[in-house]
Amino acid sequence: MPRIRGVNLEEHHELVWADLAEAIRQLLLERDYDSINMGHIAARAGLARNTLYNYAPDKSTLVMALTERRGRPTVERVTAIAARSAEPAAQRMLKIIQEVLAAFTDPAMHLMFRPGTRMPAADGPRKPDNPFHAIVVGVEHVVRDGIARGEFRDVGDPHLTVELLSGVMRAGAERIGRDPAAFAVTVRAAQEMILASLAA
């Protein structure tokens, strides 16, 4: 039986997930995503290949699990911001844009946009089985709240509007991935564009 790292099994698994994330990050610096296989990941993380299959059956599932784990704090923060009904909707929207784009300063989060991953995240966060679907729900709640208060114009179809706005966020996230130094200017541009599209 392999030696358990950490004080308990839960801590052991957290350490292994951290090693897997770092292994994929290092491998992506050296080679194309499509050329990386489970053997490469296991070797770089210091795991036996059969042990790696206890964490995920294939590369796409592993990457999806890693991005979900890295994105959990952002999902929790966005959900909390969306629920602050005492705050103006526009103020909450500005904070959500900042939080979501800040998450994409983490290179591991860019895996969800990588071509050829063939994972649910490749279709964007709109699908209910996507771990980031809660962000879309939170944003739609803020849009509907802003319309009800007269802060935002009646967009007709809030769900469609949020889907379209998610394209702005994806473009911003991809821009930050290509050029991390563009974070601040990208956040400002996304905030201006999204609020302008919703303004009453």
N, C-alpha and C. Protein backbone atom coordinates (compact mmCIF):
# COMPACT_ATOMS: atom_id res chain seq x y z
N MET A 1 0.85 -1.19 0.00
CA MET A 1 0.00 0.00 0.00
C MET A 1 0.89 1.25 0.00
N PRO A 2 0.59 2.24 -0.86
CA PRO A 2 1.42 3.44 -0.91
C PRO A 2 1.38 4.21 0.40
N ARG A 3 2.51 4.89 0.70
CA ARG A 3 2.59 5.67 1.93
C ARG A 3 1.68 6.89 1.84
N ILE A 4 0.96 7.17 2.91
CA ILE A 4 0.06 8.31 2.98
C ILE A 4 0.86 9.55 3.39
N ARG A 5 0.74 10.60 2.58
CA ARG A 5 1.37 11.87 2.95
C ARG A 5 0.34 12.69 3.72
N GLY A 6 0.81 13.54 4.61
CA GLY A 6 -0.12 14.35 5.39
C GLY A 6 -0.59 13.60 6.62
N VAL A 7 -1.40 14.28 7.41
CA VAL A 7 -1.84 13.72 8.69
C VAL A 7 -3.02 12.77 8.53
N ASN A 8 -3.74 12.88 7.41
CA ASN A 8 -4.87 11.98 7.18
C ASN A 8 -5.07 11.80 5.68
N LEU A 9 -6.03 10.97 5.32
CA LEU A 9 -6.26 10.65 3.92
C LEU A 9 -6.72 11.88 3.12
N GLU A 10 -7.54 12.71 3.74
CA GLU A 10 -8.02 13.91 3.06
C GLU A 10 -6.87 14.84 2.70
N GLU A 11 -5.96 15.06 3.65
CA GLU A 11 -4.80 15.91 3.39
C GLU A 11 -3.90 15.27 2.33
N HIS A 12 -3.77 13.94 2.37
CA HIS A 12 -3.00 13.22 1.36
C HIS A 12 -3.54 13.50 -0.03
N HIS A 13 -4.87 13.41 -0.20
CA HIS A 13 -5.47 13.64 -1.50
C HIS A 13 -5.27 15.08 -1.96
N GLU A 14 -5.37 16.04 -1.04
CA GLU A 14 -5.15 17.44 -1.40
C GLU A 14 -3.72 17.64 -1.91
N LEU A 15 -2.75 16.99 -1.27
CA LEU A 15 -1.36 17.11 -1.70
C LEU A 15 -1.17 16.48 -3.08
N VAL A 16 -1.82 15.36 -3.31
CA VAL A 16 -1.71 14.71 -4.62
C VAL A 16 -2.32 15.59 -5.70
N TRP A 17 -3.49 16.18 -5.43
CA TRP A 17 -4.12 17.07 -6.43
C TRP A 17 -3.21 18.26 -6.73
N ALA A 18 -2.55 18.79 -5.70
CA ALA A 18 -1.62 19.91 -5.92
C ALA A 18 -0.46 19.46 -6.79
N ASP A 19 0.05 18.26 -6.56
CA ASP A 19 1.14 17.72 -7.38
C ASP A 19 0.69 17.52 -8.82
N LEU A 20 -0.54 17.06 -9.01
CA LEU A 20 -1.06 16.85 -10.37
C LEU A 20 -1.19 18.17 -11.12
N ALA A 21 -1.69 19.20 -10.43
CA ALA A 21 -1.82 20.51 -11.06
C ALA A 21 -0.45 21.05 -11.47
N GLU A 22 0.53 20.90 -10.60
CA GLU A 22 1.88 21.37 -10.91
C GLU A 22 2.50 20.55 -12.04
N ALA A 23 2.23 19.25 -12.05
CA ALA A 23 2.77 18.39 -13.11
C ALA A 23 2.25 18.82 -14.48
N ILE A 24 0.95 19.08 -14.56
CA ILE A 24 0.37 19.50 -15.84
C ILE A 24 0.91 20.88 -16.23
N ARG A 25 1.04 21.78 -15.27
CA ARG A 25 1.58 23.11 -15.56
C ARG A 25 2.98 22.99 -16.17
N GLN A 26 3.83 22.17 -15.56
CA GLN A 26 5.20 21.99 -16.06
C GLN A 26 5.21 21.35 -17.44
N LEU A 27 4.39 20.33 -17.62
CA LEU A 27 4.34 19.65 -18.92
C LEU A 27 3.89 20.59 -20.03
N LEU A 28 2.95 21.48 -19.74
CA LEU A 28 2.47 22.41 -20.75
C LEU A 28 3.53 23.43 -21.16
N LEU A 29 4.52 23.65 -20.31
CA LEU A 29 5.63 24.52 -20.66
C LEU A 29 6.57 23.83 -21.65
N GLU A 30 6.51 22.51 -21.69
CA GLU A 30 7.45 21.72 -22.49
C GLU A 30 6.86 21.17 -23.77
N ARG A 31 5.54 20.95 -23.79
CA ARG A 31 4.94 20.27 -24.94
C ARG A 31 3.50 20.69 -25.14
N ASP A 32 2.94 20.33 -26.29
CA ASP A 32 1.56 20.63 -26.61
C ASP A 32 0.63 19.76 -25.77
N TYR A 33 -0.54 20.32 -25.46
CA TYR A 33 -1.52 19.59 -24.64
C TYR A 33 -1.85 18.22 -25.21
N ASP A 34 -2.07 18.15 -26.53
CA ASP A 34 -2.49 16.88 -27.15
C ASP A 34 -1.43 15.80 -27.04
N SER A 35 -0.16 16.18 -26.90
CA SER A 35 0.91 15.18 -26.82
C SER A 35 1.14 14.68 -25.40
N ILE A 36 0.46 15.28 -24.42
CA ILE A 36 0.60 14.84 -23.02
C ILE A 36 -0.36 13.68 -22.77
N ASN A 37 0.14 12.63 -22.15
CA ASN A 37 -0.74 11.51 -21.81
C ASN A 37 -0.70 11.26 -20.30
N MET A 38 -1.51 10.33 -19.87
CA MET A 38 -1.61 10.04 -18.42
C MET A 38 -0.28 9.55 -17.86
N GLY A 39 0.50 8.85 -18.67
CA GLY A 39 1.81 8.39 -18.23
C GLY A 39 2.74 9.54 -17.92
N HIS A 40 2.73 10.54 -18.80
CA HIS A 40 3.56 11.73 -18.55
C HIS A 40 3.16 12.41 -17.25
N ILE A 41 1.85 12.55 -17.06
CA ILE A 41 1.35 13.25 -15.86
C ILE A 41 1.73 12.47 -14.60
N ALA A 42 1.52 11.17 -14.63
CA ALA A 42 1.84 10.34 -13.46
C ALA A 42 3.33 10.43 -13.12
N ALA A 43 4.18 10.31 -14.15
CA ALA A 43 5.62 10.35 -13.92
C ALA A 43 6.05 11.70 -13.33
N ARG A 44 5.51 12.79 -13.89
CA ARG A 44 5.90 14.12 -13.42
C ARG A 44 5.40 14.37 -12.00
N ALA A 45 4.24 13.80 -11.66
CA ALA A 45 3.68 13.99 -10.30
C ALA A 45 4.27 13.00 -9.30
N GLY A 46 5.09 12.06 -9.78
CA GLY A 46 5.70 11.07 -8.87
C GLY A 46 4.73 10.00 -8.43
N LEU A 47 3.77 9.66 -9.31
CA LEU A 47 2.77 8.64 -9.00
C LEU A 47 2.93 7.45 -9.92
N ALA A 48 2.53 6.29 -9.44
CA ALA A 48 2.40 5.14 -10.33
C ALA A 48 1.20 5.42 -11.24
N ARG A 49 1.29 4.97 -12.49
CA ARG A 49 0.21 5.26 -13.44
C ARG A 49 -1.12 4.70 -12.94
N ASN A 50 -1.10 3.49 -12.37
CA ASN A 50 -2.38 2.91 -11.89
C ASN A 50 -2.94 3.71 -10.72
N THR A 51 -2.08 4.39 -9.94
CA THR A 51 -2.57 5.25 -8.86
C THR A 51 -3.27 6.47 -9.44
N LEU A 52 -2.73 7.01 -10.54
CA LEU A 52 -3.34 8.18 -11.17
C LEU A 52 -4.77 7.87 -11.61
N TYR A 53 -5.02 6.64 -12.06
CA TYR A 53 -6.37 6.27 -12.51
C TYR A 53 -7.38 6.23 -11.36
N ASN A 54 -6.89 6.24 -10.12
CA ASN A 54 -7.81 6.36 -8.98
C ASN A 54 -8.37 7.78 -8.89
N TYR A 55 -7.68 8.74 -9.50
CA TYR A 55 -8.10 10.14 -9.46
C TYR A 55 -8.94 10.53 -10.67
N ALA A 56 -8.66 9.91 -11.82
CA ALA A 56 -9.44 10.20 -13.04
C ALA A 56 -9.18 9.10 -14.07
N PRO A 57 -10.21 8.76 -14.86
CA PRO A 57 -10.04 7.69 -15.84
C PRO A 57 -9.29 8.12 -17.10
N ASP A 58 -9.22 9.44 -17.36
CA ASP A 58 -8.53 9.91 -18.57
C ASP A 58 -8.09 11.36 -18.37
N LYS A 59 -7.33 11.86 -19.32
CA LYS A 59 -6.74 13.19 -19.20
C LYS A 59 -7.80 14.29 -19.14
N SER A 60 -8.82 14.20 -20.00
CA SER A 60 -9.84 15.25 -20.00
C SER A 60 -10.57 15.34 -18.67
N THR A 61 -10.90 14.18 -18.10
CA THR A 61 -11.59 14.16 -16.81
C THR A 61 -10.68 14.71 -15.71
N LEU A 62 -9.40 14.38 -15.79
CA LEU A 62 -8.44 14.88 -14.81
C LEU A 62 -8.33 16.40 -14.89
N VAL A 63 -8.23 16.93 -16.10
CA VAL A 63 -8.11 18.38 -16.27
C VAL A 63 -9.38 19.07 -15.78
N MET A 64 -10.54 18.49 -16.09
CA MET A 64 -11.80 19.06 -15.63
C MET A 64 -11.85 19.11 -14.11
N ALA A 65 -11.41 18.01 -13.47
CA ALA A 65 -11.41 17.97 -12.00
C ALA A 65 -10.45 19.00 -11.43
N LEU A 66 -9.30 19.17 -12.07
CA LEU A 66 -8.33 20.15 -11.58
C LEU A 66 -8.86 21.57 -11.70
N THR A 67 -9.47 21.91 -12.85
CA THR A 67 -9.99 23.27 -12.99
C THR A 67 -11.15 23.51 -12.04
N GLU A 68 -11.96 22.47 -11.81
CA GLU A 68 -13.07 22.61 -10.86
C GLU A 68 -12.54 22.90 -9.46
N ARG A 69 -11.52 22.16 -9.06
CA ARG A 69 -10.95 22.35 -7.72
C ARG A 69 -10.35 23.75 -7.58
N ARG A 70 -9.62 24.21 -8.63
CA ARG A 70 -9.00 25.52 -8.56
C ARG A 70 -10.05 26.63 -8.60
N GLY A 71 -11.19 26.35 -9.24
CA GLY A 71 -12.22 27.36 -9.37
C GLY A 71 -13.20 27.46 -8.22
N ARG A 72 -13.18 26.48 -7.31
CA ARG A 72 -14.17 26.48 -6.21
C ARG A 72 -14.19 27.77 -5.39
N PRO A 73 -13.03 28.29 -4.98
CA PRO A 73 -13.08 29.53 -4.19
C PRO A 73 -13.74 30.68 -4.94
N THR A 74 -13.49 30.77 -6.26
CA THR A 74 -14.11 31.82 -7.06
C THR A 74 -15.61 31.64 -7.13
N VAL A 75 -16.06 30.40 -7.35
CA VAL A 75 -17.50 30.12 -7.40
C VAL A 75 -18.15 30.53 -6.09
N GLU A 76 -17.52 30.20 -4.97
CA GLU A 76 -18.08 30.55 -3.65
C GLU A 76 -18.14 32.06 -3.46
N ARG A 77 -17.08 32.77 -3.86
CA ARG A 77 -17.06 34.23 -3.69
C ARG A 77 -18.11 34.90 -4.58
N VAL A 78 -18.22 34.44 -5.83
CA VAL A 78 -19.20 35.03 -6.74
C VAL A 78 -20.62 34.78 -6.25
N THR A 79 -20.89 33.57 -5.78
CA THR A 79 -22.21 33.25 -5.25
C THR A 79 -22.55 34.15 -4.07
N ALA A 80 -21.57 34.40 -3.20
CA ALA A 80 -21.80 35.27 -2.04
C ALA A 80 -22.05 36.72 -2.48
N ILE A 81 -21.30 37.20 -3.46
CA ILE A 81 -21.49 38.57 -3.95
C ILE A 81 -22.87 38.72 -4.57
N ALA A 82 -23.27 37.75 -5.39
CA ALA A 82 -24.58 37.82 -6.06
C ALA A 82 -25.72 37.86 -5.05
N ALA A 83 -25.53 37.23 -3.89
CA ALA A 83 -26.58 37.15 -2.88
C ALA A 83 -26.70 38.41 -2.02
N ARG A 84 -25.80 39.37 -2.16
CA ARG A 84 -25.84 40.60 -1.35
C ARG A 84 -26.90 41.56 -1.89
N SER A 85 -28.14 41.24 -1.64
CA SER A 85 -29.24 41.99 -2.24
C SER A 85 -29.32 43.43 -1.74
N ALA A 86 -28.67 43.76 -0.64
CA ALA A 86 -28.68 45.14 -0.16
C ALA A 86 -27.79 46.05 -1.00
N GLU A 87 -26.85 45.46 -1.74
CA GLU A 87 -25.94 46.24 -2.57
C GLU A 87 -26.55 46.49 -3.94
N PRO A 88 -26.25 47.63 -4.56
CA PRO A 88 -26.74 47.87 -5.92
C PRO A 88 -26.26 46.78 -6.88
N ALA A 89 -27.09 46.46 -7.84
CA ALA A 89 -26.75 45.40 -8.79
C ALA A 89 -25.48 45.74 -9.57
N ALA A 90 -25.33 46.99 -9.96
CA ALA A 90 -24.15 47.39 -10.74
C ALA A 90 -22.87 47.18 -9.93
N GLN A 91 -22.93 47.48 -8.65
CA GLN A 91 -21.77 47.31 -7.78
C GLN A 91 -21.41 45.83 -7.67
N ARG A 92 -22.43 44.98 -7.51
CA ARG A 92 -22.18 43.54 -7.44
C ARG A 92 -21.59 43.02 -8.76
N MET A 93 -22.11 43.54 -9.88
CA MET A 93 -21.61 43.09 -11.17
C MET A 93 -20.14 43.44 -11.34
N LEU A 94 -19.76 44.64 -10.94
CA LEU A 94 -18.35 45.04 -11.03
C LEU A 94 -17.46 44.10 -10.22
N LYS A 95 -17.91 43.74 -9.02
CA LYS A 95 -17.13 42.85 -8.16
C LYS A 95 -17.04 41.44 -8.76
N ILE A 96 -18.14 40.97 -9.34
CA ILE A 96 -18.13 39.63 -9.94
C ILE A 96 -17.16 39.58 -11.11
N ILE A 97 -17.18 40.59 -11.96
CA ILE A 97 -16.25 40.62 -13.10
C ILE A 97 -14.82 40.57 -12.60
N GLN A 98 -14.52 41.35 -11.57
CA GLN A 98 -13.17 41.37 -10.99
C GLN A 98 -12.79 39.99 -10.47
N GLU A 99 -13.68 39.35 -9.72
CA GLU A 99 -13.40 38.04 -9.13
C GLU A 99 -13.16 36.98 -10.20
N VAL A 100 -14.04 36.95 -11.21
CA VAL A 100 -13.92 35.91 -12.24
C VAL A 100 -12.63 36.09 -13.03
N LEU A 101 -12.33 37.30 -13.44
CA LEU A 101 -11.11 37.50 -14.21
C LEU A 101 -9.86 37.29 -13.36
N ALA A 102 -9.94 37.60 -12.07
CA ALA A 102 -8.80 37.33 -11.19
C ALA A 102 -8.49 35.84 -11.14
N ALA A 103 -9.52 35.01 -11.22
CA ALA A 103 -9.31 33.56 -11.20
C ALA A 103 -8.44 33.11 -12.37
N PHE A 104 -8.53 33.84 -13.47
CA PHE A 104 -7.79 33.43 -14.67
C PHE A 104 -6.36 33.95 -14.70
N THR A 105 -5.91 34.54 -13.59
CA THR A 105 -4.48 34.80 -13.45
C THR A 105 -3.78 33.49 -13.07
N ASP A 106 -4.56 32.47 -12.69
CA ASP A 106 -4.03 31.13 -12.39
C ASP A 106 -3.96 30.35 -13.70
N PRO A 107 -2.76 29.99 -14.17
CA PRO A 107 -2.64 29.28 -15.44
C PRO A 107 -3.45 27.98 -15.50
N ALA A 108 -3.66 27.34 -14.36
CA ALA A 108 -4.43 26.09 -14.36
C ALA A 108 -5.85 26.31 -14.85
N MET A 109 -6.39 27.50 -14.66
CA MET A 109 -7.75 27.78 -15.08
C MET A 109 -7.88 27.87 -16.60
N HIS A 110 -6.78 28.13 -17.28
CA HIS A 110 -6.85 28.25 -18.74
C HIS A 110 -7.02 26.91 -19.43
N LEU A 111 -6.82 25.83 -18.71
CA LEU A 111 -7.01 24.51 -19.29
C LEU A 111 -8.44 24.32 -19.77
N MET A 112 -9.40 24.98 -19.13
CA MET A 112 -10.79 24.79 -19.53
C MET A 112 -11.09 25.37 -20.90
N PHE A 113 -10.21 26.23 -21.41
CA PHE A 113 -10.41 26.82 -22.73
C PHE A 113 -9.50 26.19 -23.79
N ARG A 114 -8.66 25.26 -23.37
CA ARG A 114 -7.67 24.70 -24.30
C ARG A 114 -8.34 23.87 -25.37
N PRO A 115 -8.09 24.16 -26.64
CA PRO A 115 -8.69 23.36 -27.71
C PRO A 115 -8.28 21.90 -27.60
N GLY A 116 -9.19 21.02 -27.91
CA GLY A 116 -8.89 19.59 -27.92
C GLY A 116 -9.04 18.91 -26.58
N THR A 117 -9.49 19.64 -25.56
CA THR A 117 -9.64 18.99 -24.26
C THR A 117 -10.83 18.04 -24.25
N ARG A 118 -11.85 18.33 -25.09
CA ARG A 118 -13.05 17.50 -25.19
C ARG A 118 -13.64 17.25 -23.80
N MET A 119 -13.79 18.31 -23.04
CA MET A 119 -14.38 18.19 -21.72
C MET A 119 -15.55 19.16 -21.62
N PRO A 120 -16.44 18.97 -20.65
CA PRO A 120 -17.61 19.84 -20.57
C PRO A 120 -17.28 21.32 -20.57
N ALA A 121 -16.17 21.71 -19.95
CA ALA A 121 -15.83 23.12 -19.88
C ALA A 121 -15.54 23.72 -21.24
N ALA A 122 -15.22 22.87 -22.23
CA ALA A 122 -14.95 23.39 -23.56
C ALA A 122 -16.19 24.04 -24.16
N ASP A 123 -17.36 23.67 -23.66
CA ASP A 123 -18.61 24.26 -24.13
C ASP A 123 -18.96 25.52 -23.35
N GLY A 124 -18.10 25.91 -22.43
CA GLY A 124 -18.36 27.11 -21.64
C GLY A 124 -19.14 26.76 -20.38
N PRO A 125 -19.31 27.73 -19.50
CA PRO A 125 -19.93 27.46 -18.20
C PRO A 125 -21.45 27.47 -18.20
N ARG A 126 -22.08 27.42 -19.39
CA ARG A 126 -23.54 27.55 -19.43
C ARG A 126 -24.26 26.25 -19.08
N LYS A 127 -23.60 25.10 -19.28
CA LYS A 127 -24.29 23.83 -19.06
C LYS A 127 -24.42 23.55 -17.57
N PRO A 128 -25.57 23.04 -17.13
CA PRO A 128 -25.78 22.78 -15.70
C PRO A 128 -24.78 21.80 -15.10
N ASP A 129 -24.20 20.89 -15.92
CA ASP A 129 -23.24 19.93 -15.37
C ASP A 129 -21.84 20.53 -15.26
N ASN A 130 -21.68 21.78 -15.66
CA ASN A 130 -20.38 22.43 -15.56
C ASN A 130 -20.20 22.98 -14.15
N PRO A 131 -19.01 22.79 -13.56
CA PRO A 131 -18.80 23.26 -12.18
C PRO A 131 -18.91 24.77 -12.03
N PHE A 132 -18.80 25.51 -13.13
CA PHE A 132 -18.86 26.96 -13.06
C PHE A 132 -20.25 27.49 -13.39
N HIS A 133 -21.21 26.60 -13.54
CA HIS A 133 -22.58 26.99 -13.84
C HIS A 133 -23.14 27.91 -12.75
N ALA A 134 -22.71 27.70 -11.51
CA ALA A 134 -23.19 28.53 -10.39
C ALA A 134 -22.85 30.00 -10.61
N ILE A 135 -21.74 30.28 -11.30
CA ILE A 135 -21.38 31.67 -11.59
C ILE A 135 -22.41 32.28 -12.53
N VAL A 136 -22.79 31.52 -13.56
CA VAL A 136 -23.78 32.00 -14.52
C VAL A 136 -25.10 32.27 -13.82
N VAL A 137 -25.50 31.37 -12.93
CA VAL A 137 -26.74 31.54 -12.17
C VAL A 137 -26.66 32.81 -11.32
N GLY A 138 -25.52 33.02 -10.68
CA GLY A 138 -25.35 34.22 -9.85
C GLY A 138 -25.42 35.50 -10.66
N VAL A 139 -24.78 35.51 -11.82
CA VAL A 139 -24.80 36.70 -12.68
C VAL A 139 -26.22 36.96 -13.18
N GLU A 140 -26.92 35.89 -13.56
CA GLU A 140 -28.29 36.08 -14.04
C GLU A 140 -29.17 36.63 -12.92
N HIS A 141 -28.94 36.20 -11.69
CA HIS A 141 -29.69 36.73 -10.54
C HIS A 141 -29.45 38.23 -10.40
N VAL A 142 -28.19 38.65 -10.54
CA VAL A 142 -27.87 40.08 -10.41
C VAL A 142 -28.51 40.87 -11.55
N VAL A 143 -28.50 40.33 -12.76
CA VAL A 143 -29.12 41.02 -13.90
C VAL A 143 -30.62 41.19 -13.65
N ARG A 144 -31.29 40.11 -13.24
CA ARG A 144 -32.73 40.18 -12.99
C ARG A 144 -33.04 41.17 -11.86
N ASP A 145 -32.20 41.15 -10.83
CA ASP A 145 -32.39 42.06 -9.70
C ASP A 145 -32.22 43.51 -10.16
N GLY A 146 -31.20 43.74 -10.99
CA GLY A 146 -30.97 45.10 -11.49
C GLY A 146 -32.11 45.59 -12.35
N ILE A 147 -32.71 44.70 -13.14
CA ILE A 147 -33.86 45.08 -13.97
C ILE A 147 -35.05 45.44 -13.07
N ALA A 148 -35.29 44.59 -12.05
CA ALA A 148 -36.42 44.81 -11.15
C ALA A 148 -36.29 46.14 -10.41
N ARG A 149 -35.07 46.55 -10.11
CA ARG A 149 -34.85 47.80 -9.37
C ARG A 149 -34.77 49.02 -10.28
N GLY A 150 -34.75 48.79 -11.59
CA GLY A 150 -34.62 49.89 -12.53
C GLY A 150 -33.18 50.33 -12.75
N GLU A 151 -32.22 49.60 -12.19
CA GLU A 151 -30.80 49.93 -12.41
C GLU A 151 -30.38 49.54 -13.82
N PHE A 152 -30.90 48.40 -14.28
CA PHE A 152 -30.58 47.91 -15.62
C PHE A 152 -31.82 48.00 -16.49
N ARG A 153 -31.60 48.12 -17.79
CA ARG A 153 -32.73 48.15 -18.72
C ARG A 153 -33.33 46.76 -18.83
N ASP A 154 -34.55 46.67 -19.31
CA ASP A 154 -35.19 45.38 -19.53
C ASP A 154 -34.58 44.77 -20.78
N VAL A 155 -33.75 43.76 -20.59
CA VAL A 155 -33.02 43.16 -21.71
C VAL A 155 -33.86 42.14 -22.47
N GLY A 156 -35.06 41.87 -21.98
CA GLY A 156 -35.94 40.92 -22.66
C GLY A 156 -35.71 39.49 -22.23
N ASP A 157 -34.53 38.98 -22.47
CA ASP A 157 -34.19 37.60 -22.13
C ASP A 157 -32.90 37.60 -21.30
N PRO A 158 -33.02 37.69 -19.97
CA PRO A 158 -31.81 37.75 -19.13
C PRO A 158 -30.87 36.57 -19.32
N HIS A 159 -31.44 35.38 -19.53
CA HIS A 159 -30.58 34.20 -19.70
C HIS A 159 -29.71 34.34 -20.94
N LEU A 160 -30.32 34.74 -22.05
CA LEU A 160 -29.56 34.93 -23.29
C LEU A 160 -28.54 36.05 -23.11
N THR A 161 -28.94 37.12 -22.44
CA THR A 161 -28.02 38.23 -22.21
C THR A 161 -26.79 37.77 -21.45
N VAL A 162 -26.99 36.96 -20.41
CA VAL A 162 -25.85 36.47 -19.62
C VAL A 162 -24.99 35.53 -20.47
N GLU A 163 -25.60 34.72 -21.30
CA GLU A 163 -24.81 33.87 -22.20
C GLU A 163 -23.93 34.71 -23.10
N LEU A 164 -24.49 35.79 -23.65
CA LEU A 164 -23.70 36.66 -24.52
C LEU A 164 -22.61 37.38 -23.74
N LEU A 165 -22.92 37.82 -22.54
CA LEU A 165 -21.92 38.49 -21.72
C LEU A 165 -20.79 37.54 -21.31
N SER A 166 -21.12 36.24 -21.20
CA SER A 166 -20.07 35.28 -20.85
C SER A 166 -19.01 35.21 -21.94
N GLY A 167 -19.39 35.58 -23.19
CA GLY A 167 -18.40 35.65 -24.26
C GLY A 167 -17.39 36.76 -24.02
N VAL A 168 -17.87 37.89 -23.47
CA VAL A 168 -16.96 38.98 -23.11
C VAL A 168 -15.98 38.51 -22.04
N MET A 169 -16.50 37.80 -21.05
CA MET A 169 -15.65 37.32 -19.97
C MET A 169 -14.63 36.29 -20.46
N ARG A 170 -15.08 35.42 -21.36
CA ARG A 170 -14.14 34.43 -21.90
C ARG A 170 -13.02 35.13 -22.67
N ALA A 171 -13.38 36.12 -23.50
CA ALA A 171 -12.36 36.86 -24.24
C ALA A 171 -11.38 37.53 -23.28
N GLY A 172 -11.92 38.09 -22.18
CA GLY A 172 -11.06 38.71 -21.18
C GLY A 172 -10.14 37.70 -20.52
N ALA A 173 -10.68 36.54 -20.18
CA ALA A 173 -9.88 35.49 -19.55
C ALA A 173 -8.77 35.01 -20.48
N GLU A 174 -9.09 34.85 -21.76
CA GLU A 174 -8.08 34.41 -22.72
C GLU A 174 -7.01 35.48 -22.91
N ARG A 175 -7.42 36.75 -22.89
CA ARG A 175 -6.45 37.84 -23.01
C ARG A 175 -5.48 37.83 -21.82
N ILE A 176 -6.01 37.63 -20.62
CA ILE A 176 -5.16 37.58 -19.43
C ILE A 176 -4.21 36.39 -19.50
N GLY A 177 -4.70 35.27 -20.06
CA GLY A 177 -3.84 34.10 -20.22
C GLY A 177 -2.67 34.37 -21.16
N ARG A 178 -2.92 35.12 -22.23
CA ARG A 178 -1.85 35.45 -23.18
C ARG A 178 -0.92 36.52 -22.62
N ASP A 179 -1.48 37.44 -21.84
CA ASP A 179 -0.70 38.58 -21.36
C ASP A 179 -1.13 38.94 -19.93
N PRO A 180 -0.54 38.27 -18.93
CA PRO A 180 -0.94 38.54 -17.53
C PRO A 180 -0.80 40.00 -17.13
N ALA A 181 0.11 40.74 -17.77
CA ALA A 181 0.29 42.16 -17.43
C ALA A 181 -0.92 42.99 -17.84
N ALA A 182 -1.78 42.43 -18.69
CA ALA A 182 -2.97 43.16 -19.16
C ALA A 182 -4.16 42.98 -18.22
N PHE A 183 -3.95 42.41 -17.05
CA PHE A 183 -5.06 42.11 -16.14
C PHE A 183 -5.89 43.35 -15.82
N ALA A 184 -5.27 44.39 -15.32
CA ALA A 184 -6.02 45.57 -14.86
C ALA A 184 -6.80 46.22 -15.99
N VAL A 185 -6.16 46.41 -17.14
CA VAL A 185 -6.84 47.06 -18.26
C VAL A 185 -7.96 46.18 -18.81
N THR A 186 -7.76 44.86 -18.75
CA THR A 186 -8.79 43.93 -19.24
C THR A 186 -10.00 43.95 -18.32
N VAL A 187 -9.77 43.99 -17.02
CA VAL A 187 -10.87 44.07 -16.06
C VAL A 187 -11.67 45.35 -16.28
N ARG A 188 -10.99 46.47 -16.42
CA ARG A 188 -11.69 47.75 -16.63
C ARG A 188 -12.51 47.72 -17.92
N ALA A 189 -11.93 47.19 -18.98
CA ALA A 189 -12.64 47.15 -20.26
C ALA A 189 -13.86 46.24 -20.17
N ALA A 190 -13.72 45.10 -19.52
CA ALA A 190 -14.86 44.17 -19.38
C ALA A 190 -15.96 44.81 -18.54
N GLN A 191 -15.57 45.48 -17.46
CA GLN A 191 -16.56 46.13 -16.60
C GLN A 191 -17.31 47.21 -17.37
N GLU A 192 -16.59 48.03 -18.12
CA GLU A 192 -17.22 49.11 -18.88
C GLU A 192 -18.17 48.55 -19.93
N MET A 193 -17.72 47.53 -20.64
CA MET A 193 -18.52 46.96 -21.72
C MET A 193 -19.80 46.32 -21.19
N ILE A 194 -19.66 45.55 -20.10
CA ILE A 194 -20.83 44.83 -19.57
C ILE A 194 -21.81 45.81 -18.94
N LEU A 195 -21.34 46.77 -18.18
CA LEU A 195 -22.27 47.73 -17.58
C LEU A 195 -22.94 48.61 -18.63
N ALA A 196 -22.20 48.96 -19.68
CA ALA A 196 -22.79 49.76 -20.76
C ALA A 196 -23.92 49.00 -21.45
N SER A 197 -23.74 47.67 -21.58
CA SER A 197 -24.77 46.87 -22.26
C SER A 197 -26.02 46.69 -21.40
N LEU A 198 -25.88 46.89 -20.08
CA LEU A 198 -27.01 46.69 -19.17
C LEU A 198 -27.66 47.99 -18.70
N ALA A 199 -26.97 49.10 -18.91
CA ALA A 199 -27.41 50.37 -18.32
C ALA A 199 -28.83 50.74 -18.75
N ALA A 200 -29.56 51.25 -17.79
CA ALA A 200 -30.95 51.67 -18.06
C ALA A 200 -30.95 52.88 -18.97
